[in-house]
Every structure is written in C-alpha cells, then in structure tokens.
C-alpha atoms as a PDB file:
ATOM      1  CA  MET A   1     -25.984  25.003 -13.908  1.00  0.00           C
ATOM      2  CA  GLU A   2     -24.718  27.943 -11.875  1.00  0.00           C
ATOM      3  CA  LYS A   3     -26.278  28.766  -8.553  1.00  0.00           C
ATOM      4  CA  MET A   4     -27.200  32.411  -8.119  1.00  0.00           C
ATOM      5  CA  LEU A   5     -27.631  34.144  -4.823  1.00  0.00           C
ATOM      6  CA  ALA A   6     -29.837  37.220  -4.823  1.00  0.00           C
ATOM      7  CA  VAL A   7     -29.483  39.608  -1.905  1.00  0.00           C
ATOM      8  CA  THR A   8     -30.935  43.029  -1.280  1.00  0.00           C
ATOM      9  CA  ASP A   9     -28.725  46.066  -0.725  1.00  0.00           C
ATOM     10  CA  VAL A  10     -29.658  45.962   2.961  1.00  0.00           C
ATOM     11  CA  GLN A  11     -28.721  42.286   3.229  1.00  0.00           C
ATOM     12  CA  LEU A  12     -25.356  42.971   1.606  1.00  0.00           C
ATOM     13  CA  PHE A  13     -24.765  45.869   4.003  1.00  0.00           C
ATOM     14  CA  ASN A  14     -25.651  43.628   6.971  1.00  0.00           C
ATOM     15  CA  LEU A  15     -23.509  40.748   5.678  1.00  0.00           C
ATOM     16  CA  VAL A  16     -20.396  42.873   5.234  1.00  0.00           C
ATOM     17  CA  GLY A  17     -20.837  44.523   8.639  1.00  0.00           C
ATOM     18  CA  LEU A  18     -21.555  41.296  10.512  1.00  0.00           C
ATOM     19  CA  SER A  19     -18.729  39.462   8.758  1.00  0.00           C
ATOM     20  CA  ALA A  20     -16.239  42.167   9.742  1.00  0.00           C
ATOM     21  CA  LEU A  21     -17.471  42.163  13.336  1.00  0.00           C
ATOM     22  CA  HIS A  22     -17.451  38.380  13.543  1.00  0.00           C
ATOM     23  CA  ALA A  23     -13.936  38.033  12.100  1.00  0.00           C
ATOM     24  CA  ASN A  24     -12.584  40.652  14.518  1.00  0.00           C
ATOM     25  CA  VAL A  25     -14.315  39.075  17.513  1.00  0.00           C
ATOM     26  CA  LEU A  26     -12.875  35.660  16.688  1.00  0.00           C
ATOM     27  CA  ARG A  27      -9.384  37.086  16.119  1.00  0.00           C
ATOM     28  CA  ASP A  28      -9.192  39.361  19.196  1.00  0.00           C
ATOM     29  CA  GLY A  29     -12.311  40.002  21.257  1.00  0.00           C
ATOM     30  CA  THR A  30     -10.777  42.769  23.374  1.00  0.00           C
ATOM     31  CA  SER A  31      -9.642  44.696  20.334  1.00  0.00           C
ATOM     32  CA  ALA A  32     -13.040  44.171  18.651  1.00  0.00           C
ATOM     33  CA  CYS A  33     -14.822  45.596  21.712  1.00  0.00           C
ATOM     34  CA  TYR A  34     -12.670  48.715  21.519  1.00  0.00           C
ATOM     35  CA  LEU A  35     -12.843  49.147  17.726  1.00  0.00           C
ATOM     36  CA  PHE A  36     -16.582  48.566  17.375  1.00  0.00           C
ATOM     37  CA  ARG A  37     -17.704  49.690  20.853  1.00  0.00           C
ATOM     38  CA  LEU A  38     -19.171  46.295  21.659  1.00  0.00           C
ATOM     39  CA  SER A  39     -20.554  45.401  25.053  1.00  0.00           C
ATOM     40  CA  GLU A  40     -19.668  42.142  26.781  1.00  0.00           C
ATOM     41  CA  PRO A  41     -23.062  40.546  25.948  1.00  0.00           C
ATOM     42  CA  GLN A  42     -22.648  41.552  22.286  1.00  0.00           C
ATOM     43  CA  LEU A  43     -19.156  40.039  22.251  1.00  0.00           C
ATOM     44  CA  ARG A  44     -20.412  36.747  23.699  1.00  0.00           C
ATOM     45  CA  CYS A  45     -23.298  36.645  21.233  1.00  0.00           C
ATOM     46  CA  LEU A  46     -21.037  37.263  18.226  1.00  0.00           C
ATOM     47  CA  ARG A  47     -18.530  34.627  19.404  1.00  0.00           C
ATOM     48  CA  GLN A  48     -21.249  31.989  19.452  1.00  0.00           C
ATOM     49  CA  LEU A  49     -22.380  32.588  15.863  1.00  0.00           C
ATOM     50  CA  SER A  50     -21.294  30.249  13.103  1.00  0.00           C
ATOM     51  CA  THR A  51     -21.019  31.314   9.471  1.00  0.00           C
ATOM     52  CA  ALA A  52     -24.352  29.584   8.825  1.00  0.00           C
ATOM     53  CA  ASP A  53     -25.884  31.555  11.717  1.00  0.00           C
ATOM     54  CA  LEU A  54     -24.629  34.796  10.150  1.00  0.00           C
ATOM     55  CA  MET A  55     -26.183  33.896   6.814  1.00  0.00           C
ATOM     56  CA  ARG A  56     -29.534  33.026   8.429  1.00  0.00           C
ATOM     57  CA  LEU A  57     -29.493  36.277  10.376  1.00  0.00           C
ATOM     58  CA  VAL A  58     -28.734  38.314   7.246  1.00  0.00           C
ATOM     59  CA  ASP A  59     -31.460  36.469   5.341  1.00  0.00           C
ATOM     60  CA  SER A  60     -34.023  37.336   8.004  1.00  0.00           C
ATOM     61  CA  PHE A  61     -33.238  41.069   7.745  1.00  0.00           C
ATOM     62  CA  ARG A  62     -34.256  41.675   4.146  1.00  0.00           C
ATOM     63  CA  SER A  63     -35.280  45.307   4.534  1.00  0.00           C
ATOM     64  CA  GLY A  64     -33.962  46.402   7.914  1.00  0.00           C
ATOM     65  CA  PRO A  65     -30.357  47.438   8.471  1.00  0.00           C
ATOM     66  CA  LEU A  66     -28.628  46.109  11.567  1.00  0.00           C
ATOM     67  CA  PHE A  67     -26.339  49.144  11.652  1.00  0.00           C
ATOM     68  CA  GLN A  68     -27.097  52.860  11.638  1.00  0.00           C
ATOM     69  CA  LEU A  69     -24.934  55.782  10.634  1.00  0.00           C
ATOM     70  CA  ARG A  70     -23.639  58.012  13.390  1.00  0.00           C
ATOM     71  CA  SER A  71     -25.725  61.074  14.174  1.00  0.00           C
ATOM     72  CA  ASP A  72     -22.744  63.275  13.214  1.00  0.00           C
ATOM     73  CA  PHE A  73     -22.053  61.476   9.917  1.00  0.00           C
ATOM     74  CA  CYS A  74     -22.613  64.527   7.675  1.00  0.00           C
ATOM     75  CA  GLU A  75     -20.363  66.687   9.849  1.00  0.00           C
ATOM     76  CA  LEU A  76     -17.637  64.035   9.692  1.00  0.00           C
ATOM     77  CA  VAL A  77     -17.873  63.819   5.907  1.00  0.00           C
ATOM     78  CA  GLN A  78     -17.512  67.589   5.588  1.00  0.00           C
ATOM     79  CA  ALA A  79     -14.721  67.972   8.163  1.00  0.00           C
ATOM     80  CA  PRO A  80     -11.021  68.061   7.181  1.00  0.00           C
ATOM     81  CA  GLY A  81      -9.246  64.716   7.639  1.00  0.00           C
ATOM     82  CA  HIS A  82      -7.390  65.602  10.856  1.00  0.00           C
ATOM     83  CA  VAL A  83     -10.566  66.995  12.452  1.00  0.00           C
ATOM     84  CA  ARG A  84     -12.489  63.905  11.350  1.00  0.00           C
ATOM     85  CA  GLN A  85      -9.942  61.641  13.035  1.00  0.00           C
ATOM     86  CA  LEU A  86     -10.134  63.606  16.288  1.00  0.00           C
ATOM     87  CA  ARG A  87     -13.937  63.628  16.290  1.00  0.00           C
ATOM     88  CA  THR A  88     -14.122  59.867  15.810  1.00  0.00           C
ATOM     89  CA  LEU A  89     -11.745  59.383  18.758  1.00  0.00           C
ATOM     90  CA  LEU A  90     -13.358  61.881  21.116  1.00  0.00           C
ATOM     91  CA  ALA A  91     -17.040  61.718  20.260  1.00  0.00           C
ATOM     92  CA  ASP A  92     -19.289  58.769  20.827  1.00  0.00           C
ATOM     93  CA  PRO A  93     -22.610  59.970  19.432  1.00  0.00           C
ATOM     94  CA  ALA A  94     -25.743  57.933  19.459  1.00  0.00           C
ATOM     95  CA  PRO A  95     -26.826  56.379  16.163  1.00  0.00           C
ATOM     96  CA  SER A  96     -28.901  58.650  14.017  1.00  0.00           C
ATOM     97  CA  GLN A  97     -32.541  58.774  14.969  1.00  0.00           C
ATOM     98  CA  TRP A  98     -33.816  58.815  11.404  1.00  0.00           C
ATOM     99  CA  SER A  99     -36.694  56.539  10.610  1.00  0.00           C
ATOM    100  CA  PRO A 100     -38.390  56.111   7.261  1.00  0.00           C
ATOM    101  CA  PRO A 101     -41.557  58.104   6.699  1.00  0.00           C
ATOM    102  CA  GLN A 102     -44.700  56.184   7.489  1.00  0.00           C
ATOM    103  CA  PRO A 103     -47.574  56.069   5.011  1.00  0.00           C
ATOM    104  CA  ASP A 104     -50.598  58.186   5.845  1.00  0.00           C
ATOM    105  CA  ARG A 105     -53.187  55.662   7.044  1.00  0.00           C
ATOM    106  CA  ARG A 106     -55.945  58.169   7.731  1.00  0.00           C
ATOM    107  CA  LYS A 107     -59.148  57.672   5.791  1.00  0.00           C
ATOM    108  CA  PRO A 108     -60.079  60.503   3.453  1.00  0.00           C
ATOM    109  CA  VAL A 109     -62.760  62.768   4.881  1.00  0.00           C
ATOM    110  CA  ALA A 110     -65.784  63.445   2.650  1.00  0.00           C
ATOM    111  CA  ALA A 111     -66.297  67.104   1.748  1.00  0.00           C
ATOM    112  CA  ALA A 112     -68.983  68.871   3.805  1.00  0.00           C
ATOM    113  CA  GLY A 113     -72.407  69.337   2.193  1.00  0.00           C
ATOM    114  CA  ARG A 114     -72.164  66.497  -0.279  1.00  0.00           C
END
C-alpha cells in the first residue's frame, strides 16, 4: 500500500521556501542572511530547526503563507531584465500589504415600514 501525502498549495509554497532557506542557512549562514535578508534572530531560529520541525511548521500553516511577494512585484515582472536586476539589488521594499477580503459580517437591515 502506497502512502500518500496531501498538501495544500500554500503548504507546498511554504515547504519549498522554508527548505531553501534552511538548506542555505545550514550551508553558509552569512551568505543566507545576505541572499534572503535574514536578521540574526531569524538565522538562529532557522539553524535550530530539524527537518521534522520544518514539516510540523508547514503542516500548521495550511492556509496562511509564510512569505509575501514584494510590493514592487508587478513592476519587476514588467521591467526589462537588466532593470529588474538593478531594482532587486538597489530596492528593499516592504512585503506587499495585500490581505484577503473579509466577509461582510453585518446583519441585514429590515426595510423601513414593513
């Protein structure tokens, strides 16, 4: 009997990102800090994680991404390659501030005179 592992798109996104970060941190922490703009506390935290810890962390984030696109992502996609490379070196924008729309929780108001 084969064992199947079902993951959401968000979990797969988180797993790939965390695995890349973790592998880089273990290989060369200084380089990882530069490449991924990690702080010292983030570096220490990532160094302490085991593969099992990564899997548990990914499992706990079923619908929430751990990583956000840059706020200038669309501009980078549309820019010519050489401009894109310069912008990624020079700019350090904050993550995008997008958040999913929230459902309208207001109660419907009864029509007047009814």
